[in-house]
Amino acid sequence: MTVEPIREAYSFVCLHCGHAWEGSYEIQHSIDANGTTRSDYYVRGMRQPSPLTQNTCRICHRTTIRVLRSGRVAAARPLFD
Protein backbone atom coordinates (compact mmCIF):
# COMPACT_ATOMS: atom_id res chain seq x y z
CA MET A 1 0.00 0.00 0.00
CA THR A 2 1.32 3.44 -0.91
CA VAL A 3 0.23 6.70 0.69
CA GLU A 4 0.11 10.01 -1.20
CA PRO A 5 3.55 11.72 -1.13
CA ILE A 6 4.10 14.77 1.06
CA ARG A 7 6.56 17.65 0.78
CA GLU A 8 8.78 18.56 3.72
CA ALA A 9 11.49 21.18 4.04
CA TYR A 10 14.26 21.21 6.62
CA SER A 11 17.07 23.56 7.63
CA PHE A 12 20.52 22.13 8.34
CA VAL A 13 23.55 23.54 10.14
CA CYS A 14 26.99 21.93 10.22
CA LEU A 15 28.21 21.84 13.81
CA HIS A 16 31.82 21.75 12.61
CA CYS A 17 32.13 24.69 10.18
CA GLY A 18 28.80 26.53 10.70
CA HIS A 19 27.60 26.23 7.09
CA ALA A 20 23.78 26.36 6.90
CA TRP A 21 21.42 25.32 4.11
CA GLU A 22 17.84 24.28 3.47
CA GLY A 23 16.45 21.33 1.59
CA SER A 24 13.00 20.39 0.31
CA TYR A 25 12.01 16.74 -0.13
CA GLU A 26 9.11 14.74 -1.47
CA ILE A 27 8.52 11.89 0.97
CA GLN A 28 6.79 8.73 -0.22
CA HIS A 29 5.45 6.57 2.62
CA SER A 30 4.55 2.97 1.90
CA ILE A 31 3.50 -0.08 3.90
CA ASP A 32 4.62 -3.52 2.80
CA ALA A 33 2.66 -6.80 3.11
CA ASN A 34 4.09 -7.34 6.62
CA GLY A 35 2.85 -3.96 7.81
CA THR A 36 6.29 -2.34 7.91
CA THR A 37 6.28 1.37 7.10
CA ARG A 38 8.93 2.73 4.77
CA SER A 39 9.79 6.35 3.95
CA ASP A 40 11.61 7.19 0.73
CA TYR A 41 12.99 10.70 0.13
CA TYR A 42 13.16 12.29 -3.33
CA VAL A 43 14.74 15.49 -4.67
CA ARG A 44 13.77 16.43 -8.25
CA GLY A 45 12.51 12.87 -8.81
CA MET A 46 15.73 11.18 -7.69
CA ARG A 47 15.73 8.99 -4.58
CA GLN A 48 17.97 10.25 -1.77
CA PRO A 49 19.03 8.90 1.62
CA SER A 50 17.04 10.31 4.51
CA PRO A 51 18.41 13.77 5.33
CA LEU A 52 17.46 13.13 8.94
CA THR A 53 19.84 10.19 9.33
CA GLN A 54 22.40 10.57 6.52
CA ASN A 55 23.56 14.08 5.76
CA THR A 56 26.94 15.60 4.94
CA CYS A 57 28.10 19.23 4.93
CA ARG A 58 28.82 20.45 1.40
CA ILE A 59 31.69 22.63 2.67
CA CYS A 60 33.71 20.52 5.13
CA HIS A 61 32.16 17.10 4.33
CA ARG A 62 31.58 16.28 8.01
CA THR A 63 28.46 14.51 9.21
CA THR A 64 27.85 16.46 12.43
CA ILE A 65 24.65 18.12 11.22
CA ARG A 66 21.87 19.70 13.25
CA VAL A 67 18.41 19.48 11.66
CA LEU A 68 16.04 22.40 12.28
CA ARG A 69 12.54 23.23 11.18
CA SER A 70 12.16 24.85 7.78
CA GLY A 71 12.86 28.56 7.47
CA ARG A 72 15.49 28.78 10.21
CA VAL A 73 18.34 29.47 7.77
CA ALA A 74 16.42 32.11 5.79
CA ALA A 75 15.39 33.81 9.04
CA ALA A 76 19.00 34.24 10.16
CA ARG A 77 20.19 37.68 9.05
CA PRO A 78 23.14 39.75 10.26
CA LEU A 79 22.23 42.55 12.66
CA PHE A 80 24.44 45.00 10.79
CA ASP A 81 25.38 45.11 7.10
PDB file of N, CA and C in Angstrom:
ATOM      1  N   MET A   1       0.849  -1.183   0.000  1.00  0.00           N
ATOM      2  CA  MET A   1       0.000   0.000   0.000  1.00  0.00           C
ATOM      3  C   MET A   1       0.890   1.240   0.000  1.00  0.00           C
ATOM      4  N   THR A   2       0.566   2.192  -0.824  1.00  0.00           N
ATOM      5  CA  THR A   2       1.320   3.440  -0.913  1.00  0.00           C
ATOM      6  C   THR A   2       0.422   4.597  -0.514  1.00  0.00           C
ATOM      7  N   VAL A   3       0.955   5.512   0.252  1.00  0.00           N
ATOM      8  CA  VAL A   3       0.228   6.697   0.695  1.00  0.00           C
ATOM      9  C   VAL A   3       0.677   7.864  -0.174  1.00  0.00           C
ATOM     10  N   GLU A   4      -0.200   8.831  -0.392  1.00  0.00           N
ATOM     11  CA  GLU A   4       0.111  10.008  -1.204  1.00  0.00           C
ATOM     12  C   GLU A   4       1.380  10.698  -0.691  1.00  0.00           C
ATOM     13  N   PRO A   5       2.303  11.078  -1.580  1.00  0.00           N
ATOM     14  CA  PRO A   5       3.550  11.715  -1.133  1.00  0.00           C
ATOM     15  C   PRO A   5       3.294  13.082  -0.492  1.00  0.00           C
ATOM     16  N   ILE A   6       4.181  13.460   0.426  1.00  0.00           N
ATOM     17  CA  ILE A   6       4.097  14.770   1.065  1.00  0.00           C
ATOM     18  C   ILE A   6       5.403  15.514   0.803  1.00  0.00           C
ATOM     19  N   ARG A   7       5.358  16.836   0.923  1.00  0.00           N
ATOM     20  CA  ARG A   7       6.565  17.652   0.777  1.00  0.00           C
ATOM     21  C   ARG A   7       6.950  18.172   2.156  1.00  0.00           C
ATOM     22  N   GLU A   8       8.237  18.060   2.466  1.00  0.00           N
ATOM     23  CA  GLU A   8       8.779  18.558   3.717  1.00  0.00           C
ATOM     24  C   GLU A   8      10.037  19.357   3.416  1.00  0.00           C
ATOM     25  N   ALA A   9      10.270  20.398   4.162  1.00  0.00           N
ATOM     26  CA  ALA A   9      11.492  21.182   4.041  1.00  0.00           C
ATOM     27  C   ALA A   9      12.159  21.218   5.406  1.00  0.00           C
ATOM     28  N   TYR A  10      13.479  21.184   5.391  1.00  0.00           N
ATOM     29  CA  TYR A  10      14.263  21.208   6.618  1.00  0.00           C
ATOM     30  C   TYR A  10      15.396  22.215   6.467  1.00  0.00           C
ATOM     31  N   SER A  11      15.864  22.738   7.585  1.00  0.00           N
ATOM     32  CA  SER A  11      17.068  23.556   7.634  1.00  0.00           C
ATOM     33  C   SER A  11      18.155  22.710   8.282  1.00  0.00           C
ATOM     34  N   PHE A  12      19.389  22.892   7.825  1.00  0.00           N
ATOM     35  CA  PHE A  12      20.519  22.126   8.336  1.00  0.00           C
ATOM     36  C   PHE A  12      21.649  23.078   8.690  1.00  0.00           C
ATOM     37  N   VAL A  13      22.372  22.771   9.755  1.00  0.00           N
ATOM     38  CA  VAL A  13      23.549  23.539  10.145  1.00  0.00           C
ATOM     39  C   VAL A  13      24.650  22.547  10.492  1.00  0.00           C
ATOM     40  N   CYS A  14      25.832  22.764   9.907  1.00  0.00           N
ATOM     41  CA  CYS A  14      26.989  21.929  10.218  1.00  0.00           C
ATOM     42  C   CYS A  14      27.553  22.395  11.556  1.00  0.00           C
ATOM     43  N   LEU A  15      27.683  21.481  12.502  1.00  0.00           N
ATOM     44  CA  LEU A  15      28.207  21.837  13.808  1.00  0.00           C
ATOM     45  C   LEU A  15      29.730  21.982  13.800  1.00  0.00           C
ATOM     46  N   HIS A  16      30.366  21.614  12.697  1.00  0.00           N
ATOM     47  CA  HIS A  16      31.820  21.749  12.613  1.00  0.00           C
ATOM     48  C   HIS A  16      32.219  23.112  12.031  1.00  0.00           C
ATOM     49  N   CYS A  17      31.692  23.454  10.845  1.00  0.00           N
ATOM     50  CA  CYS A  17      32.127  24.694  10.176  1.00  0.00           C
ATOM     51  C   CYS A  17      31.075  25.805  10.206  1.00  0.00           C
ATOM     52  N   GLY A  18      29.837  25.503  10.615  1.00  0.00           N
ATOM     53  CA  GLY A  18      28.797  26.527  10.704  1.00  0.00           C
ATOM     54  C   GLY A  18      28.010  26.772   9.431  1.00  0.00           C
ATOM     55  N   HIS A  19      28.347  26.063   8.341  1.00  0.00           N
ATOM     56  CA  HIS A  19      27.600  26.231   7.088  1.00  0.00           C
ATOM     57  C   HIS A  19      26.133  25.840   7.315  1.00  0.00           C
ATOM     58  N   ALA A  20      25.210  26.617   6.747  1.00  0.00           N
ATOM     59  CA  ALA A  20      23.783  26.357   6.902  1.00  0.00           C
ATOM     60  C   ALA A  20      23.123  26.315   5.530  1.00  0.00           C
ATOM     61  N   TRP A  21      22.143  25.427   5.379  1.00  0.00           N
ATOM     62  CA  TRP A  21      21.416  25.316   4.115  1.00  0.00           C
ATOM     63  C   TRP A  21      20.030  24.740   4.386  1.00  0.00           C
ATOM     64  N   GLU A  22      19.191  24.826   3.377  1.00  0.00           N
ATOM     65  CA  GLU A  22      17.838  24.280   3.465  1.00  0.00           C
ATOM     66  C   GLU A  22      17.626  23.287   2.346  1.00  0.00           C
ATOM     67  N   GLY A  23      16.769  22.332   2.594  1.00  0.00           N
ATOM     68  CA  GLY A  23      16.449  21.333   1.588  1.00  0.00           C
ATOM     69  C   GLY A  23      14.975  20.991   1.614  1.00  0.00           C
ATOM     70  N   SER A  24      14.407  20.751   0.443  1.00  0.00           N
ATOM     71  CA  SER A  24      13.003  20.389   0.308  1.00  0.00           C
ATOM     72  C   SER A  24      12.928  18.991  -0.290  1.00  0.00           C
ATOM     73  N   TYR A  25      12.089  18.143   0.265  1.00  0.00           N
ATOM     74  CA  TYR A  25      12.014  16.745  -0.131  1.00  0.00           C
ATOM     75  C   TYR A  25      10.577  16.323  -0.362  1.00  0.00           C
ATOM     76  N   GLU A  26      10.388  15.428  -1.314  1.00  0.00           N
ATOM     77  CA  GLU A  26       9.113  14.742  -1.467  1.00  0.00           C
ATOM     78  C   GLU A  26       9.288  13.402  -0.765  1.00  0.00           C
ATOM     79  N   ILE A  27       8.399  13.111   0.173  1.00  0.00           N
ATOM     80  CA  ILE A  27       8.521  11.891   0.966  1.00  0.00           C
ATOM     81  C   ILE A  27       7.384  10.947   0.595  1.00  0.00           C
ATOM     82  N   GLN A  28       7.757   9.764   0.167  1.00  0.00           N
ATOM     83  CA  GLN A  28       6.788   8.732  -0.216  1.00  0.00           C
ATOM     84  C   GLN A  28       6.759   7.680   0.896  1.00  0.00           C
ATOM     85  N   HIS A  29       5.618   7.580   1.576  1.00  0.00           N
ATOM     86  CA  HIS A  29       5.447   6.572   2.616  1.00  0.00           C
ATOM     87  C   HIS A  29       4.742   5.367   2.015  1.00  0.00           C
ATOM     88  N   SER A  30       5.211   4.185   2.375  1.00  0.00           N
ATOM     89  CA  SER A  30       4.553   2.967   1.900  1.00  0.00           C
ATOM     90  C   SER A  30       4.561   1.928   3.013  1.00  0.00           C
ATOM     91  N   ILE A  31       3.634   1.003   2.929  1.00  0.00           N
ATOM     92  CA  ILE A  31       3.500  -0.078   3.900  1.00  0.00           C
ATOM     93  C   ILE A  31       3.554  -1.387   3.132  1.00  0.00           C
ATOM     94  N   ASP A  32       4.489  -2.251   3.517  1.00  0.00           N
ATOM     95  CA  ASP A  32       4.618  -3.524   2.801  1.00  0.00           C
ATOM     96  C   ASP A  32       3.607  -4.545   3.316  1.00  0.00           C
ATOM     97  N   ALA A  33       3.622  -5.750   2.765  1.00  0.00           N
ATOM     98  CA  ALA A  33       2.665  -6.801   3.109  1.00  0.00           C
ATOM     99  C   ALA A  33       2.751  -7.212   4.577  1.00  0.00           C
ATOM    100  N   ASN A  34       3.919  -6.995   5.204  1.00  0.00           N
ATOM    101  CA  ASN A  34       4.092  -7.344   6.617  1.00  0.00           C
ATOM    102  C   ASN A  34       3.677  -6.215   7.552  1.00  0.00           C
ATOM    103  N   GLY A  35       3.274  -5.090   6.999  1.00  0.00           N
ATOM    104  CA  GLY A  35       2.848  -3.956   7.806  1.00  0.00           C
ATOM    105  C   GLY A  35       3.979  -3.024   8.196  1.00  0.00           C
ATOM    106  N   THR A  36       5.150  -3.203   7.622  1.00  0.00           N
ATOM    107  CA  THR A  36       6.290  -2.341   7.910  1.00  0.00           C
ATOM    108  C   THR A  36       6.195  -1.064   7.090  1.00  0.00           C
ATOM    109  N   THR A  37       6.341   0.072   7.774  1.00  0.00           N
ATOM    110  CA  THR A  37       6.278   1.366   7.105  1.00  0.00           C
ATOM    111  C   THR A  37       7.655   1.749   6.598  1.00  0.00           C
ATOM    112  N   ARG A  38       7.693   2.299   5.399  1.00  0.00           N
ATOM    113  CA  ARG A  38       8.934   2.726   4.774  1.00  0.00           C
ATOM    114  C   ARG A  38       8.755   4.156   4.281  1.00  0.00           C
ATOM    115  N   SER A  39       9.800   4.970   4.440  1.00  0.00           N
ATOM    116  CA  SER A  39       9.786   6.349   3.955  1.00  0.00           C
ATOM    117  C   SER A  39      10.932   6.520   2.972  1.00  0.00           C
ATOM    118  N   ASP A  40      10.609   6.937   1.752  1.00  0.00           N
ATOM    119  CA  ASP A  40      11.613   7.192   0.728  1.00  0.00           C
ATOM    120  C   ASP A  40      11.615   8.681   0.424  1.00  0.00           C
ATOM    121  N   TYR A  41      12.812   9.270   0.360  1.00  0.00           N
ATOM    122  CA  TYR A  41      12.988  10.698   0.130  1.00  0.00           C
ATOM    123  C   TYR A  41      13.437  10.937  -1.304  1.00  0.00           C
ATOM    124  N   TYR A  42      12.836  11.965  -1.940  1.00  0.00           N
ATOM    125  CA  TYR A  42      13.157  12.295  -3.332  1.00  0.00           C
ATOM    126  C   TYR A  42      13.440  13.784  -3.474  1.00  0.00           C
ATOM    127  N   VAL A  43      14.444  14.105  -4.296  1.00  0.00           N
ATOM    128  CA  VAL A  43      14.743  15.487  -4.673  1.00  0.00           C
ATOM    129  C   VAL A  43      14.771  15.513  -6.194  1.00  0.00           C
ATOM    130  N   ARG A  44      13.899  16.337  -6.781  1.00  0.00           N
ATOM    131  CA  ARG A  44      13.769  16.427  -8.250  1.00  0.00           C
ATOM    132  C   ARG A  44      13.601  15.056  -8.887  1.00  0.00           C
ATOM    133  N   GLY A  45      12.809  14.189  -8.254  1.00  0.00           N
ATOM    134  CA  GLY A  45      12.508  12.875  -8.806  1.00  0.00           C
ATOM    135  C   GLY A  45      13.550  11.806  -8.555  1.00  0.00           C
ATOM    136  N   MET A  46      14.675  12.155  -7.938  1.00  0.00           N
ATOM    137  CA  MET A  46      15.729  11.184  -7.688  1.00  0.00           C
ATOM    138  C   MET A  46      15.731  10.788  -6.211  1.00  0.00           C
ATOM    139  N   ARG A  47      15.749   9.493  -5.949  1.00  0.00           N
ATOM    140  CA  ARG A  47      15.729   8.992  -4.581  1.00  0.00           C
ATOM    141  C   ARG A  47      17.021   9.366  -3.860  1.00  0.00           C
ATOM    142  N   GLN A  48      16.855   9.809  -2.606  1.00  0.00           N
ATOM    143  CA  GLN A  48      17.974  10.251  -1.772  1.00  0.00           C
ATOM    144  C   GLN A  48      17.929   9.516  -0.430  1.00  0.00           C
ATOM    145  N   PRO A  49      19.081   9.407   0.250  1.00  0.00           N
ATOM    146  CA  PRO A  49      19.035   8.897   1.625  1.00  0.00           C
ATOM    147  C   PRO A  49      18.282   9.886   2.503  1.00  0.00           C
ATOM    148  N   SER A  50      17.759   9.425   3.601  1.00  0.00           N
ATOM    149  CA  SER A  50      17.040  10.313   4.508  1.00  0.00           C
ATOM    150  C   SER A  50      17.964  11.421   5.003  1.00  0.00           C
ATOM    151  N   PRO A  51      17.567  12.681   4.848  1.00  0.00           N
ATOM    152  CA  PRO A  51      18.407  13.775   5.328  1.00  0.00           C
ATOM    153  C   PRO A  51      18.427  13.839   6.850  1.00  0.00           C
ATOM    154  N   LEU A  52      17.524  13.127   7.487  1.00  0.00           N
ATOM    155  CA  LEU A  52      17.460  13.130   8.940  1.00  0.00           C
ATOM    156  C   LEU A  52      18.458  12.166   9.561  1.00  0.00           C
ATOM    157  N   THR A  53      18.908  11.180   8.789  1.00  0.00           N
ATOM    158  CA  THR A  53      19.839  10.191   9.327  1.00  0.00           C
ATOM    159  C   THR A  53      21.161  10.148   8.580  1.00  0.00           C
ATOM    160  N   GLN A  54      21.181  10.579   7.326  1.00  0.00           N
ATOM    161  CA  GLN A  54      22.399  10.571   6.522  1.00  0.00           C
ATOM    162  C   GLN A  54      22.532  11.908   5.814  1.00  0.00           C
ATOM    163  N   ASN A  55      23.385  12.770   6.364  1.00  0.00           N
ATOM    164  CA  ASN A  55      23.559  14.075   5.760  1.00  0.00           C
ATOM    165  C   ASN A  55      25.008  14.496   5.932  1.00  0.00           C
ATOM    166  N   THR A  56      25.549  15.180   4.935  1.00  0.00           N
ATOM    167  CA  THR A  56      26.945  15.605   4.941  1.00  0.00           C
ATOM    168  C   THR A  56      27.034  17.074   4.550  1.00  0.00           C
ATOM    169  N   CYS A  57      27.877  17.818   5.248  1.00  0.00           N
ATOM    170  CA  CYS A  57      28.099  19.228   4.927  1.00  0.00           C
ATOM    171  C   CYS A  57      28.766  19.340   3.561  1.00  0.00           C
ATOM    172  N   ARG A  58      28.256  20.245   2.734  1.00  0.00           N
ATOM    173  CA  ARG A  58      28.817  20.448   1.398  1.00  0.00           C
ATOM    174  C   ARG A  58      30.156  21.188   1.441  1.00  0.00           C
ATOM    175  N   ILE A  59      30.464  21.844   2.551  1.00  0.00           N
ATOM    176  CA  ILE A  59      31.685  22.633   2.669  1.00  0.00           C
ATOM    177  C   ILE A  59      32.827  21.792   3.256  1.00  0.00           C
ATOM    178  N   CYS A  60      32.628  21.243   4.461  1.00  0.00           N
ATOM    179  CA  CYS A  60      33.711  20.515   5.134  1.00  0.00           C
ATOM    180  C   CYS A  60      33.556  18.998   5.058  1.00  0.00           C
ATOM    181  N   HIS A  61      32.445  18.529   4.535  1.00  0.00           N
ATOM    182  CA  HIS A  61      32.162  17.102   4.332  1.00  0.00           C
ATOM    183  C   HIS A  61      32.069  16.304   5.634  1.00  0.00           C
ATOM    184  N   ARG A  62      31.793  16.966   6.730  1.00  0.00           N
ATOM    185  CA  ARG A  62      31.585  16.282   8.005  1.00  0.00           C
ATOM    186  C   ARG A  62      30.115  15.893   8.125  1.00  0.00           C
ATOM    187  N   THR A  63      29.831  15.004   9.050  1.00  0.00           N
ATOM    188  CA  THR A  63      28.460  14.510   9.212  1.00  0.00           C
ATOM    189  C   THR A  63      27.825  14.966  10.523  1.00  0.00           C
ATOM    190  N   THR A  64      28.432  15.937  11.198  1.00  0.00           N
ATOM    191  CA  THR A  64      27.854  16.464  12.432  1.00  0.00           C
ATOM    192  C   THR A  64      26.882  17.584  12.076  1.00  0.00           C
ATOM    193  N   ILE A  65      25.664  17.198  11.736  1.00  0.00           N
ATOM    194  CA  ILE A  65      24.654  18.122  11.221  1.00  0.00           C
ATOM    195  C   ILE A  65      23.506  18.245  12.212  1.00  0.00           C
ATOM    196  N   ARG A  66      23.060  19.454  12.440  1.00  0.00           N
ATOM    197  CA  ARG A  66      21.868  19.704  13.247  1.00  0.00           C
ATOM    198  C   ARG A  66      20.725  19.974  12.290  1.00  0.00           C
ATOM    199  N   VAL A  67      19.599  19.302  12.492  1.00  0.00           N
ATOM    200  CA  VAL A  67      18.409  19.481  11.659  1.00  0.00           C
ATOM    201  C   VAL A  67      17.448  20.400  12.401  1.00  0.00           C
ATOM    202  N   LEU A  68      16.969  21.432  11.703  1.00  0.00           N
ATOM    203  CA  LEU A  68      16.042  22.396  12.278  1.00  0.00           C
ATOM    204  C   LEU A  68      14.775  22.456  11.438  1.00  0.00           C
ATOM    205  N   ARG A  69      13.758  23.085  11.972  1.00  0.00           N
ATOM    206  CA  ARG A  69      12.541  23.232  11.182  1.00  0.00           C
ATOM    207  C   ARG A  69      12.798  24.185  10.021  1.00  0.00           C
ATOM    208  N   SER A  70      12.012  24.056   8.997  1.00  0.00           N
ATOM    209  CA  SER A  70      12.157  24.851   7.779  1.00  0.00           C
ATOM    210  C   SER A  70      12.098  26.342   8.085  1.00  0.00           C
ATOM    211  N   GLY A  71      12.893  27.111   7.342  1.00  0.00           N
ATOM    212  CA  GLY A  71      12.863  28.558   7.467  1.00  0.00           C
ATOM    213  C   GLY A  71      13.865  29.123   8.452  1.00  0.00           C
ATOM    214  N   ARG A  72      14.541  28.284   9.212  1.00  0.00           N
ATOM    215  CA  ARG A  72      15.487  28.783  10.209  1.00  0.00           C
ATOM    216  C   ARG A  72      16.711  29.422   9.562  1.00  0.00           C
ATOM    217  N   VAL A  73      17.172  28.906   8.429  1.00  0.00           N
ATOM    218  CA  VAL A  73      18.338  29.474   7.769  1.00  0.00           C
ATOM    219  C   VAL A  73      17.964  30.809   7.134  1.00  0.00           C
ATOM    220  N   ALA A  74      16.847  30.875   6.443  1.00  0.00           N
ATOM    221  CA  ALA A  74      16.424  32.109   5.786  1.00  0.00           C
ATOM    222  C   ALA A  74      16.134  33.210   6.803  1.00  0.00           C
ATOM    223  N   ALA A  75      15.720  32.829   8.009  1.00  0.00           N
ATOM    224  CA  ALA A  75      15.395  33.814   9.038  1.00  0.00           C
ATOM    225  C   ALA A  75      16.641  34.410   9.689  1.00  0.00           C
ATOM    226  N   ALA A  76      17.769  33.753   9.555  1.00  0.00           N
ATOM    227  CA  ALA A  76      19.005  34.241  10.163  1.00  0.00           C
ATOM    228  C   ALA A  76      19.601  35.348   9.285  1.00  0.00           C
ATOM    229  N   ARG A  77      19.640  36.542   9.775  1.00  0.00           N
ATOM    230  CA  ARG A  77      20.188  37.684   9.051  1.00  0.00           C
ATOM    231  C   ARG A  77      21.160  38.396   9.972  1.00  0.00           C
ATOM    232  N   PRO A  78      22.233  38.979   9.422  1.00  0.00           N
ATOM    233  CA  PRO A  78      23.144  39.747  10.258  1.00  0.00           C
ATOM    234  C   PRO A  78      22.433  40.970  10.832  1.00  0.00           C
ATOM    235  N   LEU A  79      22.833  41.363  12.045  1.00  0.00           N
ATOM    236  CA  LEU A  79      22.227  42.549  12.657  1.00  0.00           C
ATOM    237  C   LEU A  79      22.654  43.819  11.952  1.00  0.00           C
ATOM    238  N   PHE A  80      23.908  43.823  11.469  1.00  0.00           N
ATOM    239  CA  PHE A  80      24.441  45.000  10.791  1.00  0.00           C
ATOM    240  C   PHE A  80      25.011  44.595   9.455  1.00  0.00           C
ATOM    241  N   ASP A  81      24.808  45.386   8.434  1.00  0.00           N
ATOM    242  CA  ASP A  81      25.376  45.109   7.105  1.00  0.00           C
ATOM    243  C   ASP A  81      26.689  45.808   6.935  1.00  0.00           C
TER     244      ASP A  81
END
